[in-house]
């Protein structure tokens, strides 16, 4: 069996992603000893953005969110996701 290389320490997720894009994992990991694993509470990475909205639209969003008993920012994400999915299904 060949000697496995050490996996370097990464400063951040982006650096690690770039490393694995260019690297054969078999040089670092013995896949024959691997086992399936699940991460049920893993959340996708998020990015913070700044979004300017008319105050009237924001107030309307907050009203709808309040009626649905969800935070307004979560409602915005739900609406955006639904619309993007729709656009992708219909071949933007």
PDB file of N, CA and C in Angstrom:
ATOM      1  N   UNK A   1       0.840  -1.191   0.000  1.00  0.00           N
ATOM      2  CA  UNK A   1       0.000   0.000   0.000  1.00  0.00           C
ATOM      3  C   UNK A   1       0.874   1.238   0.000  1.00  0.00           C
ATOM      4  N   UNK A   2       0.482   2.233  -0.792  1.00  0.00           N
ATOM      5  CA  UNK A   2       1.292   3.446  -0.867  1.00  0.00           C
ATOM      6  C   UNK A   2       1.077   4.318   0.363  1.00  0.00           C
ATOM      7  N   UNK A   3       2.073   5.115   0.674  1.00  0.00           N
ATOM      8  CA  UNK A   3       1.997   6.025   1.821  1.00  0.00           C
ATOM      9  C   UNK A   3       1.138   7.227   1.441  1.00  0.00           C
ATOM     10  N   UNK A   4       0.183   7.528   2.302  1.00  0.00           N
ATOM     11  CA  UNK A   4      -0.724   8.639   2.040  1.00  0.00           C
ATOM     12  C   UNK A   4      -0.083   9.962   2.437  1.00  0.00           C
ATOM     13  N   UNK A   5      -0.380  10.985   1.660  1.00  0.00           N
ATOM     14  CA  UNK A   5       0.104  12.335   1.960  1.00  0.00           C
ATOM     15  C   UNK A   5      -0.777  12.957   3.033  1.00  0.00           C
ATOM     16  N   UNK A   6      -0.197  13.862   3.826  1.00  0.00           N
ATOM     17  CA  UNK A   6      -0.971  14.579   4.831  1.00  0.00           C
ATOM     18  C   UNK A   6      -1.875  15.605   4.157  1.00  0.00           C
ATOM     19  N   UNK A   7      -3.050  15.804   4.748  1.00  0.00           N
ATOM     20  CA  UNK A   7      -3.957  16.844   4.260  1.00  0.00           C
ATOM     21  C   UNK A   7      -3.552  18.146   4.941  1.00  0.00           C
ATOM     22  N   UNK A   8      -3.306  19.192   4.163  1.00  0.00           N
ATOM     23  CA  UNK A   8      -2.865  20.456   4.772  1.00  0.00           C
ATOM     24  C   UNK A   8      -3.977  21.124   5.578  1.00  0.00           C
ATOM     25  N   UNK A   9      -3.597  22.050   6.436  1.00  0.00           N
ATOM     26  CA  UNK A   9      -4.560  22.883   7.167  1.00  0.00           C
ATOM     27  C   UNK A   9      -4.962  24.022   6.242  1.00  0.00           C
ATOM     28  N   UNK A  10      -6.238  24.350   6.223  1.00  0.00           N
ATOM     29  CA  UNK A  10      -6.734  25.381   5.328  1.00  0.00           C
ATOM     30  C   UNK A  10      -7.165  26.609   6.118  1.00  0.00           C
ATOM     31  N   UNK A  11      -6.973  27.790   5.519  1.00  0.00           N
ATOM     32  CA  UNK A  11      -7.365  29.043   6.165  1.00  0.00           C
ATOM     33  C   UNK A  11      -8.878  29.228   6.139  1.00  0.00           C
ATOM     34  N   UNK A  12      -9.503  28.715   5.072  1.00  0.00           N
ATOM     35  CA  UNK A  12     -10.944  28.892   4.921  1.00  0.00           C
ATOM     36  C   UNK A  12     -11.493  27.849   3.949  1.00  0.00           C
ATOM     37  N   UNK A  13     -12.796  27.861   3.813  1.00  0.00           N
ATOM     38  CA  UNK A  13     -13.471  26.878   2.965  1.00  0.00           C
ATOM     39  C   UNK A  13     -13.084  27.032   1.494  1.00  0.00           C
ATOM     40  N   UNK A  14     -12.910  28.266   1.046  1.00  0.00           N
ATOM     41  CA  UNK A  14     -12.539  28.511  -0.349  1.00  0.00           C
ATOM     42  C   UNK A  14     -11.170  27.895  -0.662  1.00  0.00           C
ATOM     43  N   UNK A  15     -10.226  28.077   0.242  1.00  0.00           N
ATOM     44  CA  UNK A  15      -8.898  27.512   0.033  1.00  0.00           C
ATOM     45  C   UNK A  15      -8.969  25.986  -0.035  1.00  0.00           C
ATOM     46  N   UNK A  16      -9.769  25.382   0.833  1.00  0.00           N
ATOM     47  CA  UNK A  16      -9.914  23.925   0.816  1.00  0.00           C
ATOM     48  C   UNK A  16     -10.582  23.454  -0.477  1.00  0.00           C
ATOM     49  N   UNK A  17     -11.606  24.155  -0.898  1.00  0.00           N
ATOM     50  CA  UNK A  17     -12.305  23.806  -2.140  1.00  0.00           C
ATOM     51  C   UNK A  17     -11.340  23.820  -3.319  1.00  0.00           C
ATOM     52  N   UNK A  18     -10.528  24.869  -3.402  1.00  0.00           N
ATOM     53  CA  UNK A  18      -9.562  24.978  -4.496  1.00  0.00           C
ATOM     54  C   UNK A  18      -8.534  23.846  -4.447  1.00  0.00           C
ATOM     55  N   UNK A  19      -8.105  23.479  -3.245  1.00  0.00           N
ATOM     56  CA  UNK A  19      -7.153  22.380  -3.088  1.00  0.00           C
ATOM     57  C   UNK A  19      -7.724  21.077  -3.658  1.00  0.00           C
ATOM     58  N   UNK A  20      -8.964  20.744  -3.269  1.00  0.00           N
ATOM     59  CA  UNK A  20      -9.546  19.479  -3.699  1.00  0.00           C
ATOM     60  C   UNK A  20      -9.936  19.485  -5.168  1.00  0.00           C
ATOM     61  N   UNK A  21     -10.148  20.654  -5.746  1.00  0.00           N
ATOM     62  CA  UNK A  21     -10.412  20.728  -7.186  1.00  0.00           C
ATOM     63  C   UNK A  21      -9.203  20.290  -8.004  1.00  0.00           C
ATOM     64  N   UNK A  22      -8.005  20.530  -7.461  1.00  0.00           N
ATOM     65  CA  UNK A  22      -6.762  20.249  -8.199  1.00  0.00           C
ATOM     66  C   UNK A  22      -6.045  18.987  -7.708  1.00  0.00           C
ATOM     67  N   UNK A  23      -6.584  18.333  -6.692  1.00  0.00           N
ATOM     68  CA  UNK A  23      -5.868  17.245  -6.035  1.00  0.00           C
ATOM     69  C   UNK A  23      -6.642  15.936  -6.126  1.00  0.00           C
ATOM     70  N   UNK A  24      -5.923  14.847  -6.358  1.00  0.00           N
ATOM     71  CA  UNK A  24      -6.530  13.515  -6.340  1.00  0.00           C
ATOM     72  C   UNK A  24      -6.648  13.086  -4.881  1.00  0.00           C
ATOM     73  N   UNK A  25      -7.867  12.935  -4.406  1.00  0.00           N
ATOM     74  CA  UNK A  25      -8.078  12.599  -2.998  1.00  0.00           C
ATOM     75  C   UNK A  25      -7.484  11.243  -2.625  1.00  0.00           C
ATOM     76  N   UNK A  26      -7.314  10.354  -3.590  1.00  0.00           N
ATOM     77  CA  UNK A  26      -6.739   9.033  -3.309  1.00  0.00           C
ATOM     78  C   UNK A  26      -5.291   9.132  -2.830  1.00  0.00           C
ATOM     79  N   UNK A  27      -4.634  10.258  -3.091  1.00  0.00           N
ATOM     80  CA  UNK A  27      -3.273  10.461  -2.584  1.00  0.00           C
ATOM     81  C   UNK A  27      -3.272  10.787  -1.096  1.00  0.00           C
ATOM     82  N   UNK A  28      -4.445  11.156  -0.555  1.00  0.00           N
ATOM     83  CA  UNK A  28      -4.548  11.614   0.827  1.00  0.00           C
ATOM     84  C   UNK A  28      -5.463  10.769   1.702  1.00  0.00           C
ATOM     85  N   UNK A  29      -6.355   9.996   1.069  1.00  0.00           N
ATOM     86  CA  UNK A  29      -7.381   9.260   1.809  1.00  0.00           C
ATOM     87  C   UNK A  29      -7.432   7.816   1.331  1.00  0.00           C
ATOM     88  N   UNK A  30      -7.499   6.880   2.270  1.00  0.00           N
ATOM     89  CA  UNK A  30      -7.671   5.467   1.939  1.00  0.00           C
ATOM     90  C   UNK A  30      -9.175   5.204   1.829  1.00  0.00           C
ATOM     91  N   UNK A  31      -9.703   5.272   0.624  1.00  0.00           N
ATOM     92  CA  UNK A  31     -11.143   5.146   0.420  1.00  0.00           C
ATOM     93  C   UNK A  31     -11.670   3.749   0.727  1.00  0.00           C
ATOM     94  N   UNK A  32     -10.803   2.751   0.772  1.00  0.00           N
ATOM     95  CA  UNK A  32     -11.247   1.392   1.101  1.00  0.00           C
ATOM     96  C   UNK A  32     -11.701   1.294   2.557  1.00  0.00           C
ATOM     97  N   UNK A  33     -11.227   2.196   3.401  1.00  0.00           N
ATOM     98  CA  UNK A  33     -11.622   2.212   4.810  1.00  0.00           C
ATOM     99  C   UNK A  33     -12.781   3.180   5.069  1.00  0.00           C
ATOM    100  N   UNK A  34     -13.283   3.824   4.029  1.00  0.00           N
ATOM    101  CA  UNK A  34     -14.334   4.832   4.215  1.00  0.00           C
ATOM    102  C   UNK A  34     -15.682   4.185   4.516  1.00  0.00           C
ATOM    103  N   UNK A  35     -16.529   4.940   5.186  1.00  0.00           N
ATOM    104  CA  UNK A  35     -17.877   4.502   5.522  1.00  0.00           C
ATOM    105  C   UNK A  35     -18.852   5.630   5.169  1.00  0.00           C
ATOM    106  N   UNK A  36     -20.069   5.277   4.784  1.00  0.00           N
ATOM    107  CA  UNK A  36     -21.061   6.324   4.491  1.00  0.00           C
ATOM    108  C   UNK A  36     -21.354   7.139   5.750  1.00  0.00           C
ATOM    109  N   UNK A  37     -21.624   8.407   5.551  1.00  0.00           N
ATOM    110  CA  UNK A  37     -21.947   9.281   6.669  1.00  0.00           C
ATOM    111  C   UNK A  37     -23.037  10.248   6.230  1.00  0.00           C
ATOM    112  N   UNK A  38     -23.855  10.691   7.166  1.00  0.00           N
ATOM    113  CA  UNK A  38     -24.919  11.650   6.870  1.00  0.00           C
ATOM    114  C   UNK A  38     -24.755  12.856   7.785  1.00  0.00           C
ATOM    115  N   UNK A  39     -25.061  14.021   7.255  1.00  0.00           N
ATOM    116  CA  UNK A  39     -25.007  15.261   8.017  1.00  0.00           C
ATOM    117  C   UNK A  39     -26.401  15.894   7.961  1.00  0.00           C
ATOM    118  N   UNK A  40     -27.347  15.414   8.780  1.00  0.00           N
ATOM    119  CA  UNK A  40     -28.729  15.868   8.659  1.00  0.00           C
ATOM    120  C   UNK A  40     -28.942  17.343   8.992  1.00  0.00           C
ATOM    121  N   UNK A  41     -28.082  17.948   9.778  1.00  0.00           N
ATOM    122  CA  UNK A  41     -28.283  19.348  10.172  1.00  0.00           C
ATOM    123  C   UNK A  41     -27.340  20.300   9.452  1.00  0.00           C
ATOM    124  N   UNK A  42     -26.660  19.811   8.414  1.00  0.00           N
ATOM    125  CA  UNK A  42     -25.726  20.641   7.669  1.00  0.00           C
ATOM    126  C   UNK A  42     -26.488  21.669   6.851  1.00  0.00           C
ATOM    127  N   UNK A  43     -26.097  22.917   6.980  1.00  0.00           N
ATOM    128  CA  UNK A  43     -26.740  23.996   6.223  1.00  0.00           C
ATOM    129  C   UNK A  43     -25.789  24.480   5.140  1.00  0.00           C
ATOM    130  N   UNK A  44     -26.327  24.863   3.997  1.00  0.00           N
ATOM    131  CA  UNK A  44     -25.452  25.370   2.937  1.00  0.00           C
ATOM    132  C   UNK A  44     -24.794  26.686   3.345  1.00  0.00           C
ATOM    133  N   UNK A  45     -23.637  26.942   2.785  1.00  0.00           N
ATOM    134  CA  UNK A  45     -22.956  28.205   3.042  1.00  0.00           C
ATOM    135  C   UNK A  45     -23.821  29.343   2.536  1.00  0.00           C
ATOM    136  N   UNK A  46     -23.750  30.453   3.233  1.00  0.00           N
ATOM    137  CA  UNK A  46     -24.524  31.617   2.826  1.00  0.00           C
ATOM    138  C   UNK A  46     -23.601  32.805   2.635  1.00  0.00           C
ATOM    139  N   UNK A  47     -24.089  33.770   1.895  1.00  0.00           N
ATOM    140  CA  UNK A  47     -23.363  35.020   1.686  1.00  0.00           C
ATOM    141  C   UNK A  47     -24.265  36.164   2.116  1.00  0.00           C
ATOM    142  N   UNK A  48     -23.684  37.142   2.759  1.00  0.00           N
ATOM    143  CA  UNK A  48     -24.432  38.320   3.169  1.00  0.00           C
ATOM    144  C   UNK A  48     -24.440  39.322   2.030  1.00  0.00           C
ATOM    145  N   UNK A  49     -25.627  39.847   1.733  1.00  0.00           N
ATOM    146  CA  UNK A  49     -25.746  40.855   0.678  1.00  0.00           C
ATOM    147  C   UNK A  49     -26.486  42.064   1.240  1.00  0.00           C
ATOM    148  N   UNK A  50     -26.352  43.154   0.547  1.00  0.00           N
ATOM    149  CA  UNK A  50     -27.107  44.356   0.884  1.00  0.00           C
ATOM    150  C   UNK A  50     -28.098  44.575  -0.253  1.00  0.00           C
ATOM    151  N   UNK A  51     -29.346  44.741   0.105  1.00  0.00           N
ATOM    152  CA  UNK A  51     -30.394  44.859  -0.897  1.00  0.00           C
ATOM    153  C   UNK A  51     -31.263  46.054  -0.548  1.00  0.00           C
ATOM    154  N   UNK A  52     -31.355  46.981  -1.465  1.00  0.00           N
ATOM    155  CA  UNK A  52     -32.201  48.165  -1.242  1.00  0.00           C
ATOM    156  C   UNK A  52     -33.585  47.889  -1.812  1.00  0.00           C
ATOM    157  N   UNK A  53     -34.597  48.066  -0.951  1.00  0.00           N
ATOM    158  CA  UNK A  53     -35.985  47.868  -1.358  1.00  0.00           C
ATOM    159  C   UNK A  53     -36.776  49.124  -1.023  1.00  0.00           C
ATOM    160  N   UNK A  54     -37.780  49.412  -1.817  1.00  0.00           N
ATOM    161  CA  UNK A  54     -38.669  50.508  -1.430  1.00  0.00           C
ATOM    162  C   UNK A  54     -39.304  50.179  -0.069  1.00  0.00           C
ATOM    163  N   UNK A  55     -39.436  51.186   0.781  1.00  0.00           N
ATOM    164  CA  UNK A  55     -39.992  50.946   2.119  1.00  0.00           C
ATOM    165  C   UNK A  55     -41.369  50.320   2.055  1.00  0.00           C
ATOM    166  N   UNK A  56     -42.164  50.733   1.074  1.00  0.00           N
ATOM    167  CA  UNK A  56     -43.519  50.177   0.963  1.00  0.00           C
ATOM    168  C   UNK A  56     -43.470  48.672   0.675  1.00  0.00           C
ATOM    169  N   UNK A  57     -42.552  48.240  -0.186  1.00  0.00           N
ATOM    170  CA  UNK A  57     -42.413  46.813  -0.487  1.00  0.00           C
ATOM    171  C   UNK A  57     -41.943  46.050   0.752  1.00  0.00           C
ATOM    172  N   UNK A  58     -40.984  46.613   1.462  1.00  0.00           N
ATOM    173  CA  UNK A  58     -40.488  45.966   2.676  1.00  0.00           C
ATOM    174  C   UNK A  58     -41.619  45.835   3.701  1.00  0.00           C
ATOM    175  N   UNK A  59     -42.419  46.870   3.846  1.00  0.00           N
ATOM    176  CA  UNK A  59     -43.548  46.809   4.789  1.00  0.00           C
ATOM    177  C   UNK A  59     -44.551  45.743   4.376  1.00  0.00           C
ATOM    178  N   UNK A  60     -44.794  45.629   3.079  1.00  0.00           N
ATOM    179  CA  UNK A  60     -45.711  44.594   2.588  1.00  0.00           C
ATOM    180  C   UNK A  60     -45.148  43.200   2.850  1.00  0.00           C
ATOM    181  N   UNK A  61     -43.858  43.037   2.622  1.00  0.00           N
ATOM    182  CA  UNK A  61     -43.204  41.751   2.905  1.00  0.00           C
ATOM    183  C   UNK A  61     -43.317  41.396   4.382  1.00  0.00           C
ATOM    184  N   UNK A  62     -43.112  42.373   5.230  1.00  0.00           N
ATOM    185  CA  UNK A  62     -43.211  42.134   6.674  1.00  0.00           C
ATOM    186  C   UNK A  62     -44.638  41.760   7.069  1.00  0.00           C
ATOM    187  N   UNK A  63     -45.624  42.364   6.427  1.00  0.00           N
ATOM    188  CA  UNK A  63     -47.023  42.036   6.708  1.00  0.00           C
ATOM    189  C   UNK A  63     -47.322  40.593   6.314  1.00  0.00           C
ATOM    190  N   UNK A  64     -46.900  40.217   5.109  1.00  0.00           N
ATOM    191  CA  UNK A  64     -47.122  38.839   4.644  1.00  0.00           C
ATOM    192  C   UNK A  64     -46.377  37.855   5.552  1.00  0.00           C
ATOM    193  N   UNK A  65     -45.150  38.179   5.890  1.00  0.00           N
ATOM    194  CA  UNK A  65     -44.357  37.300   6.760  1.00  0.00           C
ATOM    195  C   UNK A  65     -45.035  37.132   8.114  1.00  0.00           C
ATOM    196  N   UNK A  66     -45.563  38.220   8.652  1.00  0.00           N
ATOM    197  CA  UNK A  66     -46.250  38.166   9.938  1.00  0.00           C
ATOM    198  C   UNK A  66     -47.482  37.261   9.862  1.00  0.00           C
ATOM    199  N   UNK A  67     -48.227  37.354   8.769  1.00  0.00           N
ATOM    200  CA  UNK A  67     -49.409  36.495   8.587  1.00  0.00           C
ATOM    201  C   UNK A  67     -49.021  35.027   8.499  1.00  0.00           C
ATOM    202  N   UNK A  68     -47.850  34.751   7.903  1.00  0.00           N
ATOM    203  CA  UNK A  68     -47.369  33.360   7.766  1.00  0.00           C
ATOM    204  C   UNK A  68     -46.565  32.911   8.976  1.00  0.00           C
ATOM    205  N   UNK A  69     -46.327  33.837   9.896  1.00  0.00           N
ATOM    206  CA  UNK A  69     -45.556  33.566  11.115  1.00  0.00           C
ATOM    207  C   UNK A  69     -44.139  33.079  10.798  1.00  0.00           C
ATOM    208  N   UNK A  70     -43.492  33.789   9.863  1.00  0.00           N
ATOM    209  CA  UNK A  70     -42.088  33.509   9.533  1.00  0.00           C
ATOM    210  C   UNK A  70     -41.332  34.840   9.522  1.00  0.00           C
ATOM    211  N   UNK A  71     -40.030  34.814   9.783  1.00  0.00           N
ATOM    212  CA  UNK A  71     -39.249  36.053   9.671  1.00  0.00           C
ATOM    213  C   UNK A  71     -39.285  36.570   8.229  1.00  0.00           C
ATOM    214  N   UNK A  72     -39.344  37.883   8.078  1.00  0.00           N
ATOM    215  CA  UNK A  72     -39.481  38.446   6.724  1.00  0.00           C
ATOM    216  C   UNK A  72     -38.285  38.115   5.835  1.00  0.00           C
ATOM    217  N   UNK A  73     -37.082  38.013   6.407  1.00  0.00           N
ATOM    218  CA  UNK A  73     -35.922  37.669   5.586  1.00  0.00           C
ATOM    219  C   UNK A  73     -36.037  36.232   5.075  1.00  0.00           C
ATOM    220  N   UNK A  74     -36.576  35.354   5.890  1.00  0.00           N
ATOM    221  CA  UNK A  74     -36.807  33.972   5.440  1.00  0.00           C
ATOM    222  C   UNK A  74     -37.843  33.941   4.325  1.00  0.00           C
ATOM    223  N   UNK A  75     -38.867  34.759   4.454  1.00  0.00           N
ATOM    224  CA  UNK A  75     -39.890  34.825   3.419  1.00  0.00           C
ATOM    225  C   UNK A  75     -39.294  35.318   2.096  1.00  0.00           C
ATOM    226  N   UNK A  76     -38.431  36.301   2.161  1.00  0.00           N
ATOM    227  CA  UNK A  76     -37.769  36.798   0.952  1.00  0.00           C
ATOM    228  C   UNK A  76     -36.985  35.661   0.290  1.00  0.00           C
ATOM    229  N   UNK A  77     -36.259  34.875   1.092  1.00  0.00           N
ATOM    230  CA  UNK A  77     -35.499  33.746   0.534  1.00  0.00           C
ATOM    231  C   UNK A  77     -36.426  32.722  -0.100  1.00  0.00           C
ATOM    232  N   UNK A  78     -37.558  32.462   0.546  1.00  0.00           N
ATOM    233  CA  UNK A  78     -38.524  31.509  -0.005  1.00  0.00           C
ATOM    234  C   UNK A  78     -39.038  32.008  -1.352  1.00  0.00           C
ATOM    235  N   UNK A  79     -39.438  33.274  -1.397  1.00  0.00           N
ATOM    236  CA  UNK A  79     -39.950  33.850  -2.648  1.00  0.00           C
ATOM    237  C   UNK A  79     -38.893  33.811  -3.756  1.00  0.00           C
ATOM    238  N   UNK A  80     -37.664  34.177  -3.411  1.00  0.00           N
ATOM    239  CA  UNK A  80     -36.593  34.161  -4.417  1.00  0.00           C
ATOM    240  C   UNK A  80     -36.340  32.750  -4.932  1.00  0.00           C
ATOM    241  N   UNK A  81     -36.291  31.785  -4.025  1.00  0.00           N
ATOM    242  CA  UNK A  81     -36.043  30.394  -4.420  1.00  0.00           C
ATOM    243  C   UNK A  81     -37.149  29.885  -5.344  1.00  0.00           C
ATOM    244  N   UNK A  82     -38.408  30.162  -4.973  1.00  0.00           N
ATOM    245  CA  UNK A  82     -39.528  29.720  -5.807  1.00  0.00           C
ATOM    246  C   UNK A  82     -39.438  30.328  -7.203  1.00  0.00           C
ATOM    247  N   UNK A  83     -39.109  31.603  -7.278  1.00  0.00           N
ATOM    248  CA  UNK A  83     -39.041  32.279  -8.579  1.00  0.00           C
ATOM    249  C   UNK A  83     -37.880  31.766  -9.417  1.00  0.00           C
ATOM    250  N   UNK A  84     -36.718  31.590  -8.787  1.00  0.00           N
ATOM    251  CA  UNK A  84     -35.552  31.084  -9.528  1.00  0.00           C
ATOM    252  C   UNK A  84     -35.838  29.677 -10.047  1.00  0.00           C
ATOM    253  N   UNK A  85     -36.424  28.824  -9.211  1.00  0.00           N
ATOM    254  CA  UNK A  85     -36.775  27.470  -9.653  1.00  0.00           C
ATOM    255  C   UNK A  85     -37.727  27.521 -10.844  1.00  0.00           C
ATOM    256  N   UNK A  86     -38.712  28.396 -10.772  1.00  0.00           N
ATOM    257  CA  UNK A  86     -39.678  28.554 -11.854  1.00  0.00           C
ATOM    258  C   UNK A  86     -38.985  28.998 -13.153  1.00  0.00           C
ATOM    259  N   UNK A  87     -38.127  29.981 -13.048  1.00  0.00           N
ATOM    260  CA  UNK A  87     -37.392  30.480 -14.217  1.00  0.00           C
ATOM    261  C   UNK A  87     -36.530  29.378 -14.830  1.00  0.00           C
ATOM    262  N   UNK A  88     -35.861  28.595 -13.987  1.00  0.00           N
ATOM    263  CA  UNK A  88     -34.997  27.525 -14.486  1.00  0.00           C
ATOM    264  C   UNK A  88     -35.804  26.420 -15.152  1.00  0.00           C
ATOM    265  N   UNK A  89     -36.977  26.106 -14.605  1.00  0.00           N
ATOM    266  CA  UNK A  89     -37.845  25.087 -15.212  1.00  0.00           C
ATOM    267  C   UNK A  89     -38.335  25.533 -16.585  1.00  0.00           C
ATOM    268  N   UNK A  90     -38.581  26.812 -16.714  1.00  0.00           N
ATOM    269  CA  UNK A  90     -39.136  27.346 -17.965  1.00  0.00           C
ATOM    270  C   UNK A  90     -38.057  27.769 -18.944  1.00  0.00           C
ATOM    271  N   UNK A  91     -36.798  27.438 -18.642  1.00  0.00           N
ATOM    272  CA  UNK A  91     -35.700  27.743 -19.569  1.00  0.00           C
ATOM    273  C   UNK A  91     -35.459  29.215 -19.737  1.00  0.00           C
ATOM    274  N   UNK A  92     -35.022  29.828 -18.710  1.00  0.00           N
ATOM    275  CA  UNK A  92     -34.748  31.281 -18.644  1.00  0.00           C
ATOM    276  C   UNK A  92     -34.436  31.873 -19.997  1.00  0.00           C
TER     277      UNK A  92
END
